Amino acid sequence: MTSSPGASSSDHTERSAVRWLIATLVGVFAFVSYVQRMNISVAAELMMPDLGLTKTEMGQVFSSFLLGYAIFQIPAGQLGDAFGPRIVLAVAALAWGGLTILTGLLPKMFATGSAAVLVVLLIVRFMLGASEAATFPVGSRAIRNWTPPSERAFANAFLMAGSASAAAVSAPLVSWLMVRLGWRPAFYVTSLLAFVIAAIWYAIATDDPREHKWVSEKELELINRGRTRSTTDPSSWSAILRDRDVLFLSLSYTCEGYILFIFVFWLYIYLVEVRGFSMLNGGLVATLPWLTALGCAPLGGYACDYWSERLGRFAGARMAIILGYSVSGLLLFAAAKLSSTTAVVAALCVSIGALYFAEPAFWATATHLSKENAGAVAGIMNTAGIVGGIVSTSITPIIVKHFGWLPALGSGAAVGIACAALWLVMGRSKREVQG
């Protein structure tokens, strides 16, 4: 039972579950963040002819977002560690809303096909990426503050579920808005979500569970169970960068970025151009893999926590990652080869679902390794993932142009198998970590 604001001290001996409210709100941040970044991948079908952009140029726009996103991951994580998730995430969301509006507004001020159109989109999407860099490192910091070690993979699954549900909703929502209002109003409407979550988060969240008036004594005791306090200065980079486990985790996470952003930026276009779906139907079909991911993320988080409690933190994560990436890579390649449209969609669904099954294991491991540097370590790991994403979004249109979609999707499949192999070979020797 959750105690209400202003409840008596005796009420605070009752059990509450505010940590799951915070995890849910962090998941909503991930949802809104993904809507702001994915709207352009759907709108691109109308933006390219309207603004005179080529696929290669649109790929550069996609990559400009990822460049800003990558560069500011670590600074954003440090801000979350220094100032707390409450203010950092609220300010970040306000920036998302403003920059999403500018994505629709600014290009119409310049002539179609001019260099200025491309430059302004590159700048605006770079700035959006920079402001969205706070989402996962600072969200992970909030989860670190609010959950015990035994629940962290499942709690981090809220971040993954938020991003997956946004990916499911964005394609049909933006497609529907584009068909009825045009691509520019689609940006204006989706920007409203960012302003709403900023206000809700700032009104409800606190950085420390002890400061929240809804949290019971029993929940505080649960949150602190199994934690260890680090003696490492949170600002000490030497300790973080010398940690081989952090470097291994980050290296393997580059594979996640490569595969994920094939789905994020190119799935809709692939379905429309290669598999023959209409613009509106393509948006609807593109939701199905993300709905599968929405179900698989909490399942993977639960499985990782279950295995971690019995085998150790790294061993539990290793099982989830090897299973998820092996299945994801194999089915992504199968999707490129299959001729049946139904089989292709099914393979894509399970492929992205398996990828998201493994996701909470990465984030929980980063949190366990980081201690008081949760935001910074999560930022390092996510930077590595985004580097993989930048490579993916940049070379996918080049591979498609010169070799076709089979090698493009096949490259993602190879990266997935490589990640599983990396954890199979190197993951055995990793030390176990506690809270």
Protein backbone atom coordinates (compact mmCIF):
# COMPACT_ATOMS: atom_id res chain seq x y z
CA MET A 1 0.00 0.00 0.00
CA THR A 2 1.40 3.40 -0.95
CA SER A 3 1.12 6.07 1.70
CA SER A 4 -0.30 9.39 0.64
CA PRO A 5 1.40 12.79 0.94
CA GLY A 6 1.12 14.13 4.42
CA ALA A 7 0.48 10.70 5.97
CA SER A 8 1.32 10.11 9.63
CA SER A 9 4.58 8.48 10.67
CA SER A 10 2.75 5.28 11.55
CA ASP A 11 1.52 5.04 7.97
CA HIS A 12 5.13 4.99 6.83
CA THR A 13 5.66 1.58 8.40
CA GLU A 14 3.37 0.18 5.72
CA ARG A 15 4.73 -1.12 2.47
CA SER A 16 4.91 1.26 -0.49
CA ALA A 17 6.09 0.85 -4.08
CA VAL A 18 7.21 4.33 -5.09
CA ARG A 19 10.37 2.87 -6.65
CA TRP A 20 8.17 1.32 -9.35
CA LEU A 21 6.45 4.66 -9.93
CA ILE A 22 9.89 6.22 -10.48
CA ALA A 23 10.90 3.34 -12.77
CA THR A 24 7.65 3.83 -14.72
CA LEU A 25 8.31 7.56 -15.13
CA VAL A 26 11.85 6.81 -16.29
CA GLY A 27 10.29 4.46 -18.83
CA VAL A 28 7.98 7.26 -19.96
CA PHE A 29 11.04 9.46 -20.46
CA ALA A 30 12.49 6.77 -22.71
CA PHE A 31 9.16 6.59 -24.55
CA VAL A 32 9.03 10.33 -25.19
CA SER A 33 12.71 10.46 -26.07
CA TYR A 34 12.26 7.78 -28.72
CA VAL A 35 9.20 9.45 -30.22
CA GLN A 36 11.23 12.65 -30.68
CA ARG A 37 14.07 10.80 -32.39
CA MET A 38 12.04 8.30 -34.45
CA ASN A 39 9.48 10.70 -35.89
CA ILE A 40 11.98 11.73 -38.55
CA SER A 41 12.58 8.15 -39.69
CA VAL A 42 8.91 7.95 -40.69
CA ALA A 43 8.59 11.56 -41.85
CA ALA A 44 11.65 11.04 -44.07
CA GLU A 45 9.46 9.47 -46.79
CA LEU A 46 7.76 12.85 -47.36
CA MET A 47 10.62 15.07 -46.22
CA MET A 48 13.08 13.81 -48.83
CA PRO A 49 11.04 14.75 -51.92
CA ASP A 50 9.63 17.91 -50.32
CA LEU A 51 13.05 19.24 -49.25
CA GLY A 52 15.04 17.79 -52.15
CA LEU A 53 17.13 15.46 -50.01
CA THR A 54 18.67 12.16 -51.13
CA LYS A 55 18.77 8.99 -49.04
CA THR A 56 22.46 9.55 -48.42
CA GLU A 57 21.79 13.08 -47.17
CA MET A 58 18.96 11.81 -44.96
CA GLY A 59 21.36 9.22 -43.60
CA GLN A 60 23.68 12.11 -42.70
CA VAL A 61 20.81 13.80 -40.86
CA PHE A 62 20.13 10.58 -38.95
CA SER A 63 23.83 10.33 -38.12
CA SER A 64 24.02 13.96 -36.96
CA PHE A 65 21.52 13.09 -34.23
CA LEU A 66 23.66 10.12 -33.21
CA LEU A 67 26.82 12.24 -33.22
CA GLY A 68 25.33 14.73 -30.74
CA TYR A 69 23.86 11.85 -28.79
CA ALA A 70 27.25 10.12 -28.56
CA ILE A 71 29.36 13.17 -27.71
CA PHE A 72 27.15 14.23 -24.80
CA GLN A 73 26.49 10.81 -23.22
CA ILE A 74 29.30 11.05 -20.70
CA PRO A 75 28.78 14.76 -19.84
CA ALA A 76 25.05 14.08 -19.39
CA GLY A 77 25.81 11.13 -17.12
CA GLN A 78 28.15 13.30 -15.08
CA LEU A 79 25.46 15.97 -14.77
CA GLY A 80 23.06 13.33 -13.50
CA ASP A 81 25.62 12.20 -10.91
CA ALA A 82 26.40 15.78 -9.86
CA PHE A 83 22.98 17.48 -9.87
CA GLY A 84 20.60 14.53 -9.68
CA PRO A 85 18.20 12.99 -12.19
CA ARG A 86 15.23 15.20 -11.26
CA ILE A 87 16.44 18.53 -12.66
CA VAL A 88 18.64 17.08 -15.43
CA LEU A 89 15.88 14.99 -17.02
CA ALA A 90 13.29 17.78 -16.71
CA VAL A 91 15.50 20.34 -18.48
CA ALA A 92 16.48 17.80 -21.13
CA ALA A 93 12.83 17.07 -21.97
CA LEU A 94 12.07 20.77 -22.39
CA ALA A 95 14.91 20.96 -24.91
CA TRP A 96 13.52 17.93 -26.81
CA GLY A 97 10.18 19.65 -27.27
CA GLY A 98 11.68 22.89 -28.56
CA LEU A 99 14.08 21.20 -30.99
CA THR A 100 11.37 18.90 -32.36
CA ILE A 101 9.31 21.98 -33.23
CA LEU A 102 12.33 23.50 -34.98
CA THR A 103 12.80 20.33 -37.06
CA GLY A 104 9.49 21.07 -38.77
CA LEU A 105 9.73 24.85 -38.70
CA LEU A 106 13.21 25.82 -39.86
CA PRO A 107 13.64 23.94 -43.21
CA LYS A 108 10.71 25.77 -44.84
CA MET A 109 12.67 29.03 -44.54
CA PHE A 110 15.10 27.88 -47.23
CA ALA A 111 14.79 26.90 -50.88
CA THR A 112 14.09 23.24 -51.67
CA GLY A 113 17.24 21.30 -52.42
CA SER A 114 19.55 24.04 -51.11
CA ALA A 115 22.57 23.28 -48.96
CA ALA A 116 21.01 25.42 -46.23
CA VAL A 117 18.15 22.93 -45.78
CA LEU A 118 20.59 20.11 -45.14
CA VAL A 119 22.79 22.23 -42.85
CA VAL A 120 19.91 23.40 -40.67
CA LEU A 121 18.61 19.86 -40.27
CA LEU A 122 22.10 18.64 -39.40
CA ILE A 123 22.41 21.31 -36.69
CA VAL A 124 18.94 20.86 -35.20
CA ARG A 125 19.15 17.08 -35.08
CA PHE A 126 22.67 17.27 -33.61
CA MET A 127 21.31 19.48 -30.82
CA LEU A 128 18.38 17.11 -30.29
CA GLY A 129 20.83 14.24 -29.96
CA ALA A 130 22.87 16.23 -27.44
CA SER A 131 19.81 16.95 -25.30
CA GLU A 132 18.54 13.36 -25.54
CA ALA A 133 21.92 12.07 -24.32
CA ALA A 134 20.60 12.37 -20.76
CA THR A 135 17.81 9.83 -21.25
CA PHE A 136 19.51 6.52 -20.54
CA PRO A 137 22.56 7.43 -18.41
CA VAL A 138 20.55 9.71 -16.12
CA GLY A 139 17.54 7.39 -16.20
CA SER A 140 19.84 4.55 -15.17
CA ARG A 141 21.20 6.76 -12.39
CA ALA A 142 17.64 7.29 -11.13
CA ILE A 143 17.07 3.53 -11.13
CA ARG A 144 20.35 3.02 -9.28
CA ASN A 145 19.17 5.49 -6.61
CA TRP A 146 15.75 3.90 -6.26
CA THR A 147 16.16 0.11 -6.57
CA PRO A 148 18.06 -2.63 -4.72
CA PRO A 149 20.63 -4.70 -6.68
CA SER A 150 18.27 -7.67 -6.85
CA GLU A 151 15.71 -5.68 -8.91
CA ARG A 152 17.91 -3.60 -11.19
CA ALA A 153 17.70 -5.59 -14.40
CA PHE A 154 13.91 -5.64 -14.21
CA ALA A 155 13.83 -1.93 -13.28
CA ASN A 156 16.11 -1.09 -16.21
CA ALA A 157 13.67 -3.01 -18.40
CA PHE A 158 11.28 -0.09 -17.90
CA LEU A 159 13.73 2.02 -19.94
CA MET A 160 13.79 -0.62 -22.65
CA ALA A 161 10.01 -1.07 -22.59
CA GLY A 162 9.58 2.68 -22.91
CA SER A 163 11.78 2.85 -25.98
CA ALA A 164 10.15 -0.23 -27.52
CA SER A 165 6.61 1.07 -27.00
CA ALA A 166 7.62 4.39 -28.54
CA ALA A 167 9.05 2.59 -31.53
CA ALA A 168 5.76 0.71 -31.85
CA VAL A 169 3.64 3.85 -31.55
CA SER A 170 5.80 6.28 -33.54
CA ALA A 171 5.43 4.68 -36.97
CA PRO A 172 1.60 4.52 -37.09
CA LEU A 173 1.20 7.81 -35.20
CA VAL A 174 3.53 9.82 -37.42
CA SER A 175 2.21 8.07 -40.54
CA TRP A 176 -1.35 8.99 -39.54
CA LEU A 177 -0.37 12.60 -38.77
CA MET A 178 1.54 12.92 -42.05
CA VAL A 179 -1.33 11.60 -44.15
CA ARG A 180 -3.86 13.95 -42.54
CA LEU A 181 -1.83 17.03 -41.58
CA GLY A 182 1.52 16.84 -43.37
CA TRP A 183 5.00 16.03 -42.11
CA ARG A 184 5.65 19.39 -40.43
CA PRO A 185 2.58 19.26 -38.12
CA ALA A 186 3.63 15.71 -37.22
CA PHE A 187 6.68 17.22 -35.52
CA TYR A 188 4.64 19.93 -33.80
CA VAL A 189 2.15 17.45 -32.34
CA THR A 190 4.74 14.95 -31.11
CA SER A 191 6.74 17.74 -29.43
CA LEU A 192 3.92 18.20 -26.88
CA LEU A 193 4.80 14.90 -25.21
CA ALA A 194 8.18 16.27 -24.11
CA PHE A 195 6.69 19.28 -22.32
CA VAL A 196 4.16 17.10 -20.50
CA ILE A 197 6.66 14.56 -19.13
CA ALA A 198 9.02 17.33 -18.02
CA ALA A 199 6.28 18.83 -15.84
CA ILE A 200 5.09 15.49 -14.42
CA TRP A 201 8.60 14.27 -13.62
CA TYR A 202 9.64 17.48 -11.88
CA ALA A 203 6.46 17.47 -9.80
CA ILE A 204 6.72 13.85 -8.63
CA ALA A 205 10.35 12.66 -8.62
CA THR A 206 13.09 13.11 -6.04
CA ASP A 207 16.77 12.23 -6.34
CA ASP A 208 16.91 10.37 -3.02
CA PRO A 209 14.16 7.98 -1.84
CA ARG A 210 14.60 9.36 1.67
CA GLU A 211 13.36 12.74 0.44
CA HIS A 212 10.12 11.40 -1.01
CA LYS A 213 7.11 11.78 1.26
CA TRP A 214 5.31 8.77 -0.23
CA VAL A 215 8.04 6.22 0.58
CA SER A 216 7.53 3.91 3.56
CA GLU A 217 10.21 2.76 5.97
CA LYS A 218 9.85 -0.80 4.68
CA GLU A 219 10.48 0.32 1.11
CA LEU A 220 13.53 2.34 2.17
CA GLU A 221 14.88 -0.74 3.91
CA LEU A 222 14.28 -2.82 0.78
CA ILE A 223 15.92 -0.24 -1.51
CA ASN A 224 19.06 -0.22 0.66
CA ARG A 225 19.24 -4.02 0.98
CA GLY A 226 22.35 -5.49 -0.59
CA ARG A 227 23.92 -2.14 -1.45
CA THR A 228 27.60 -1.46 -0.94
CA ARG A 229 28.97 2.01 -0.68
CA SER A 230 31.86 2.88 -2.95
CA THR A 231 34.89 4.71 -1.60
CA THR A 232 35.74 5.88 -5.12
CA ASP A 233 35.36 9.59 -5.76
CA PRO A 234 32.44 9.91 -8.24
CA SER A 235 34.54 12.36 -10.27
CA SER A 236 37.56 10.01 -10.50
CA TRP A 237 37.90 9.01 -14.14
CA SER A 238 41.14 7.11 -13.66
CA ALA A 239 39.42 4.35 -11.68
CA ILE A 240 36.62 4.05 -14.24
CA LEU A 241 38.82 3.99 -17.33
CA ARG A 242 41.19 1.43 -15.80
CA ASP A 243 38.33 -0.95 -15.10
CA ARG A 244 38.64 -3.72 -17.70
CA ASP A 245 35.09 -4.89 -17.04
CA VAL A 246 33.71 -1.47 -17.93
CA LEU A 247 35.78 -1.44 -21.12
CA PHE A 248 34.64 -4.96 -22.06
CA LEU A 249 31.01 -4.05 -21.41
CA SER A 250 31.34 -0.93 -23.54
CA LEU A 251 33.09 -2.73 -26.40
CA SER A 252 30.39 -5.37 -26.60
CA TYR A 253 27.69 -2.70 -26.49
CA THR A 254 28.85 -1.27 -29.80
CA CYS A 255 27.17 -4.31 -31.33
CA GLU A 256 23.85 -3.29 -29.78
CA GLY A 257 24.01 0.13 -31.41
CA TYR A 258 24.80 -1.27 -34.84
CA ILE A 259 21.84 -3.66 -34.86
CA LEU A 260 19.32 -1.46 -33.05
CA PHE A 261 19.65 1.50 -35.36
CA ILE A 262 19.10 -0.61 -38.44
CA PHE A 263 15.65 -1.17 -36.95
CA VAL A 264 15.22 2.39 -35.65
CA PHE A 265 16.09 4.30 -38.82
CA TRP A 266 15.65 1.88 -41.73
CA LEU A 267 12.94 -0.65 -40.87
CA TYR A 268 10.04 1.51 -42.09
CA ILE A 269 11.78 2.39 -45.36
CA TYR A 270 12.72 -1.28 -45.90
CA LEU A 271 9.11 -2.40 -45.42
CA VAL A 272 7.75 0.23 -47.83
CA GLU A 273 10.41 0.03 -50.54
CA VAL A 274 11.38 -3.66 -50.49
CA ARG A 275 8.43 -5.55 -49.05
CA GLY A 276 5.79 -3.53 -50.87
CA PHE A 277 3.76 -2.07 -47.99
CA SER A 278 1.92 1.21 -48.48
CA MET A 279 3.02 4.21 -46.42
CA LEU A 280 0.21 3.79 -43.90
CA ASN A 281 0.31 -0.03 -43.80
CA GLY A 282 4.09 0.07 -43.53
CA GLY A 283 3.72 2.18 -40.42
CA LEU A 284 1.30 -0.32 -38.92
CA VAL A 285 3.45 -3.36 -39.74
CA ALA A 286 6.56 -1.59 -38.43
CA THR A 287 4.95 -1.55 -34.97
CA LEU A 288 4.87 -5.34 -34.65
CA PRO A 289 8.60 -5.93 -33.96
CA TRP A 290 8.52 -3.21 -31.31
CA LEU A 291 5.47 -4.72 -29.63
CA THR A 292 7.45 -7.95 -29.40
CA ALA A 293 10.34 -6.00 -27.90
CA LEU A 294 7.94 -4.43 -25.40
CA GLY A 295 7.09 -7.90 -24.09
CA CYS A 296 10.62 -9.28 -24.24
CA ALA A 297 12.37 -6.45 -22.34
CA PRO A 298 10.74 -7.13 -18.93
CA LEU A 299 11.04 -10.88 -19.54
CA GLY A 300 14.77 -10.45 -20.12
CA GLY A 301 15.08 -8.21 -17.07
CA TYR A 302 13.33 -10.76 -14.87
CA ALA A 303 15.43 -13.61 -16.27
CA CYS A 304 18.66 -11.66 -15.76
CA ASP A 305 17.77 -10.87 -12.12
CA TYR A 306 16.78 -14.51 -11.55
CA TRP A 307 20.04 -15.88 -13.00
CA SER A 308 22.11 -13.17 -11.31
CA GLU A 309 20.78 -13.99 -7.84
CA ARG A 310 21.76 -17.64 -8.35
CA LEU A 311 24.91 -17.44 -10.47
CA GLY A 312 26.32 -13.96 -9.85
CA ARG A 313 25.76 -10.61 -11.53
CA PHE A 314 28.08 -11.08 -14.50
CA ALA A 315 27.13 -14.71 -15.07
CA GLY A 316 23.43 -13.86 -15.11
CA ALA A 317 23.99 -11.03 -17.59
CA ARG A 318 26.17 -13.28 -19.72
CA MET A 319 23.39 -15.86 -20.10
CA ALA A 320 20.83 -13.22 -21.12
CA ILE A 321 23.14 -11.52 -23.63
CA ILE A 322 24.40 -14.69 -25.33
CA LEU A 323 20.86 -16.02 -25.72
CA GLY A 324 19.41 -12.72 -26.92
CA TYR A 325 22.11 -11.82 -29.43
CA SER A 326 22.42 -15.30 -30.92
CA VAL A 327 18.70 -15.43 -31.65
CA SER A 328 18.57 -11.82 -32.85
CA GLY A 329 21.44 -12.22 -35.31
CA LEU A 330 20.20 -15.47 -36.80
CA LEU A 331 16.66 -14.21 -37.33
CA LEU A 332 17.73 -10.87 -38.78
CA PHE A 333 19.61 -12.77 -41.48
CA ALA A 334 16.63 -15.06 -41.99
CA ALA A 335 14.38 -12.02 -42.46
CA ALA A 336 16.58 -10.78 -45.28
CA LYS A 337 16.50 -14.17 -47.04
CA LEU A 338 12.87 -15.21 -46.65
CA SER A 339 10.43 -14.57 -49.50
CA SER A 340 7.17 -14.89 -47.54
CA THR A 341 6.06 -11.50 -46.23
CA THR A 342 4.47 -13.08 -43.17
CA ALA A 343 7.64 -15.02 -42.36
CA VAL A 344 9.76 -11.89 -42.83
CA VAL A 345 7.64 -9.89 -40.39
CA ALA A 346 7.68 -12.76 -37.87
CA ALA A 347 11.48 -13.06 -38.10
CA LEU A 348 11.92 -9.31 -37.65
CA CYS A 349 9.61 -9.38 -34.63
CA VAL A 350 11.53 -12.11 -32.83
CA SER A 351 14.88 -10.60 -33.84
CA ILE A 352 14.20 -7.23 -32.23
CA GLY A 353 12.48 -8.98 -29.31
CA ALA A 354 15.60 -11.05 -28.62
CA LEU A 355 17.74 -7.90 -28.81
CA TYR A 356 15.56 -6.25 -26.17
CA PHE A 357 15.58 -9.42 -24.06
CA ALA A 358 19.32 -8.84 -23.60
CA GLU A 359 19.17 -5.06 -23.10
CA PRO A 360 18.41 -4.94 -19.35
CA ALA A 361 21.41 -7.18 -18.69
CA PHE A 362 23.78 -4.56 -20.15
CA TRP A 363 22.30 -1.71 -18.11
CA ALA A 364 22.07 -3.67 -14.87
CA THR A 365 25.72 -4.70 -15.25
CA ALA A 366 26.76 -1.10 -15.86
CA THR A 367 24.90 -0.06 -12.70
CA HIS A 368 26.45 -2.84 -10.62
CA LEU A 369 29.96 -1.98 -11.84
CA SER A 370 29.60 1.77 -11.43
CA LYS A 371 28.66 2.20 -7.76
CA GLU A 372 28.47 5.99 -7.22
CA ASN A 373 29.52 6.68 -10.85
CA ALA A 374 26.27 5.26 -12.25
CA GLY A 375 25.57 8.08 -14.69
CA ALA A 376 29.14 8.31 -15.94
CA VAL A 377 29.61 4.56 -16.51
CA ALA A 378 26.23 4.27 -18.20
CA GLY A 379 27.28 7.20 -20.39
CA ILE A 380 30.52 5.46 -21.37
CA MET A 381 28.71 2.26 -22.28
CA ASN A 382 25.98 4.05 -24.23
CA THR A 383 28.57 6.14 -26.07
CA ALA A 384 30.08 2.91 -27.34
CA GLY A 385 26.64 1.73 -28.42
CA ILE A 386 26.02 4.95 -30.29
CA VAL A 387 29.33 4.66 -32.10
CA GLY A 388 28.01 1.37 -33.42
CA GLY A 389 24.77 3.14 -34.33
CA ILE A 390 26.59 5.91 -36.20
CA VAL A 391 28.48 3.32 -38.24
CA SER A 392 25.23 1.48 -38.93
CA THR A 393 23.18 4.49 -40.04
CA SER A 394 26.03 5.81 -42.17
CA ILE A 395 26.91 2.65 -44.07
CA THR A 396 23.46 1.06 -44.39
CA PRO A 397 22.38 3.31 -47.30
CA ILE A 398 25.78 2.81 -48.93
CA ILE A 399 25.52 -0.98 -48.67
CA VAL A 400 21.94 -0.85 -49.97
CA LYS A 401 22.95 1.33 -52.91
CA HIS A 402 25.86 -0.83 -54.04
CA PHE A 403 24.93 -4.33 -52.86
CA GLY A 404 21.26 -4.39 -51.82
CA TRP A 405 19.29 -4.98 -48.64
CA LEU A 406 20.43 -8.58 -48.08
CA PRO A 407 24.06 -7.61 -47.29
CA ALA A 408 22.82 -4.59 -45.30
CA LEU A 409 20.68 -6.71 -42.98
CA GLY A 410 23.26 -9.48 -43.09
CA SER A 411 25.85 -7.14 -41.63
CA GLY A 412 23.59 -6.62 -38.61
CA ALA A 413 23.17 -10.37 -38.25
CA ALA A 414 26.95 -10.86 -38.27
CA VAL A 415 27.40 -8.19 -35.59
CA GLY A 416 24.79 -9.90 -33.37
CA ILE A 417 26.55 -13.27 -33.60
CA ALA A 418 29.89 -11.54 -32.93
CA CYS A 419 28.51 -10.01 -29.72
CA ALA A 420 27.27 -13.40 -28.49
CA ALA A 421 30.65 -14.94 -29.30
CA LEU A 422 32.46 -12.13 -27.47
CA TRP A 423 30.50 -12.80 -24.28
CA LEU A 424 30.88 -16.56 -24.72
CA VAL A 425 34.67 -16.34 -24.96
CA MET A 426 35.56 -13.34 -22.80
CA GLY A 427 32.63 -13.19 -20.42
CA ARG A 428 33.71 -16.32 -18.52
CA SER A 429 36.64 -14.57 -16.83
CA LYS A 430 34.80 -11.49 -15.62
CA ARG A 431 34.70 -10.80 -11.91
CA GLU A 432 31.42 -10.85 -10.02
CA VAL A 433 30.12 -7.55 -8.69
CA GLN A 434 27.82 -6.71 -5.86
CA GLY A 435 25.43 -3.74 -5.26
